[in-house]
């Protein structure tokens, strides 16, 4: 399911000036760190790590009654603009899926690619793990099947 992707559709509003410093959010569970191959890549390692941190900093985790996992796939252009955003692996809980999508949308646009990058576009998968179960959380998705 494509959530946002048509560059002609309403893109996220551009940020002005320098990036603002965001405070860490210790009450959220971190999105998975980039895979080992991305971390060791001399061109993309630092870029993907930074992208992951930026998304994690704005991620608004929803109350949950059991662990959920959401994977989103995003495509960026050389300037760091979000070209495509898809729900690659939904959790089965609409609020958790929406929070993951919103975190990417709110983080965009990202930094431009490293000067040494030869690609004009990259595709990145980010996985969000909801592990902090709140006792008595009323986080049931009425549309989800048990």
Protein backbone atom coordinates (compact mmCIF):
# COMPACT_ATOMS: atom_id res chain seq x y z
CA UNK A 1 0.00 0.00 0.00
CA UNK A 2 1.51 3.34 -0.99
CA UNK A 3 0.99 5.88 1.77
CA UNK A 4 2.67 8.86 0.14
CA UNK A 5 4.79 8.73 -2.88
CA UNK A 6 3.73 10.82 -5.80
CA UNK A 7 6.18 13.73 -5.88
CA UNK A 8 3.42 15.83 -7.44
CA UNK A 9 1.14 15.11 -4.47
CA UNK A 10 1.33 17.34 -1.43
CA UNK A 11 4.89 16.83 -0.20
CA UNK A 12 5.83 17.56 3.40
CA UNK A 13 6.46 21.28 3.94
CA UNK A 14 10.12 22.22 3.46
CA UNK A 15 12.20 23.05 6.49
CA UNK A 16 13.84 26.40 6.62
CA UNK A 17 17.31 27.17 7.89
CA UNK A 18 19.44 24.71 9.75
CA UNK A 19 18.14 21.58 11.36
CA UNK A 20 16.85 22.12 14.85
CA UNK A 21 18.32 20.04 17.63
CA UNK A 22 15.86 17.49 18.92
CA UNK A 23 15.93 16.12 22.43
CA UNK A 24 16.23 12.33 22.88
CA UNK A 25 12.99 10.59 23.74
CA UNK A 26 13.87 7.93 26.34
CA UNK A 27 10.25 6.74 26.71
CA UNK A 28 10.19 5.31 23.19
CA UNK A 29 11.72 2.10 21.95
CA UNK A 30 14.33 2.69 19.28
CA UNK A 31 13.68 1.79 15.70
CA UNK A 32 16.02 -0.98 14.63
CA UNK A 33 19.52 0.27 13.90
CA UNK A 34 20.60 0.03 10.28
CA UNK A 35 21.73 -3.42 9.16
CA UNK A 36 25.36 -4.36 9.44
CA UNK A 37 25.99 -3.83 5.72
CA UNK A 38 24.63 -0.26 5.89
CA UNK A 39 26.63 0.57 9.01
CA UNK A 40 29.92 -0.57 7.46
CA UNK A 41 29.35 0.99 4.07
CA UNK A 42 31.87 3.83 3.67
CA UNK A 43 29.43 6.04 1.73
CA UNK A 44 26.06 5.24 3.28
CA UNK A 45 26.82 4.10 6.86
CA UNK A 46 26.84 7.49 8.57
CA UNK A 47 24.01 8.79 6.38
CA UNK A 48 21.63 5.93 7.18
CA UNK A 49 22.53 6.07 10.89
CA UNK A 50 21.70 9.79 10.96
CA UNK A 51 18.43 9.24 9.06
CA UNK A 52 17.45 6.54 11.56
CA UNK A 53 18.20 8.87 14.52
CA UNK A 54 16.17 11.72 13.01
CA UNK A 55 13.11 9.52 12.52
CA UNK A 56 13.43 7.99 15.99
CA UNK A 57 13.55 11.43 17.61
CA UNK A 58 10.09 12.40 16.31
CA UNK A 59 8.44 8.98 16.57
CA UNK A 60 5.34 9.19 18.78
CA UNK A 61 4.83 5.68 20.09
CA UNK A 62 1.21 4.82 20.77
CA UNK A 63 -0.01 2.90 23.85
CA UNK A 64 0.04 -0.81 23.11
CA UNK A 65 -1.26 -3.97 24.72
CA UNK A 66 1.29 -6.28 23.09
CA UNK A 67 4.49 -5.87 21.03
CA UNK A 68 4.11 -4.72 17.43
CA UNK A 69 6.57 -4.39 14.57
CA UNK A 70 6.14 -2.04 11.59
CA UNK A 71 8.45 -1.72 8.59
CA UNK A 72 8.27 1.24 6.24
CA UNK A 73 10.13 1.67 2.95
CA UNK A 74 11.16 5.15 1.89
CA UNK A 75 12.81 6.43 -1.25
CA UNK A 76 14.93 9.58 -1.15
CA UNK A 77 16.48 11.70 -3.87
CA UNK A 78 19.99 13.15 -3.80
CA UNK A 79 18.74 16.32 -2.05
CA UNK A 80 17.19 14.24 0.78
CA UNK A 81 13.60 14.74 -0.38
CA UNK A 82 11.10 12.01 0.40
CA UNK A 83 9.90 10.67 -2.96
CA UNK A 84 8.01 7.58 -1.83
CA UNK A 85 6.83 6.13 1.47
CA UNK A 86 5.23 2.73 1.74
CA UNK A 87 4.05 0.51 4.54
CA UNK A 88 6.27 -2.48 3.72
CA UNK A 89 5.23 -4.71 6.64
CA UNK A 90 2.19 -3.52 8.57
CA UNK A 91 1.86 -4.47 12.23
CA UNK A 92 -1.84 -5.25 12.08
CA UNK A 93 -2.52 -2.30 14.41
CA UNK A 94 -3.47 0.82 12.44
CA UNK A 95 -2.32 3.32 15.10
CA UNK A 96 1.17 1.79 15.27
CA UNK A 97 1.44 1.81 11.48
CA UNK A 98 0.26 5.43 11.28
CA UNK A 99 2.77 6.54 13.94
CA UNK A 100 5.66 5.00 11.98
CA UNK A 101 4.53 6.68 8.75
CA UNK A 102 4.06 10.01 10.55
CA UNK A 103 7.58 9.85 12.04
CA UNK A 104 9.13 9.57 8.58
CA UNK A 105 6.91 12.30 7.12
CA UNK A 106 7.69 14.68 9.99
CA UNK A 107 11.43 14.02 9.66
CA UNK A 108 11.53 14.79 5.94
CA UNK A 109 13.26 16.29 4.16
CA UNK A 110 16.52 14.66 5.19
CA UNK A 111 20.08 15.81 4.69
CA UNK A 112 21.44 15.68 1.12
CA UNK A 113 23.40 12.57 0.18
CA UNK A 114 27.10 12.48 1.01
CA UNK A 115 29.29 14.19 -1.60
CA UNK A 116 30.89 10.83 -2.44
CA UNK A 117 27.53 9.19 -3.23
CA UNK A 118 27.07 8.23 -6.87
CA UNK A 119 23.37 7.30 -6.68
CA UNK A 120 20.56 9.72 -7.43
CA UNK A 121 18.06 7.81 -5.27
CA UNK A 122 18.16 5.34 -2.41
CA UNK A 123 15.55 3.09 -0.84
CA UNK A 124 15.70 2.48 2.90
CA UNK A 125 13.67 0.14 5.09
CA UNK A 126 13.09 1.27 8.68
CA UNK A 127 11.63 -1.10 11.26
CA UNK A 128 9.82 0.21 14.32
CA UNK A 129 9.54 -2.14 17.28
CA UNK A 130 6.85 -1.43 19.84
CA UNK A 131 8.06 -3.33 22.89
CA UNK A 132 6.95 -1.22 25.86
CA UNK A 133 3.61 -2.75 26.71
CA UNK A 134 1.49 -0.57 28.98
CA UNK A 135 -0.66 -2.58 31.42
CA UNK A 136 -4.33 -2.06 30.70
CA UNK A 137 -3.61 -0.11 27.51
CA UNK A 138 -6.75 0.20 25.44
CA UNK A 139 -4.84 -0.05 22.18
CA UNK A 140 -6.96 -2.59 20.42
CA UNK A 141 -7.53 -1.94 16.76
CA UNK A 142 -11.19 -2.63 16.05
CA UNK A 143 -10.31 -3.74 12.54
CA UNK A 144 -7.60 -6.22 13.58
CA UNK A 145 -8.36 -9.91 13.80
CA UNK A 146 -7.34 -11.79 16.93
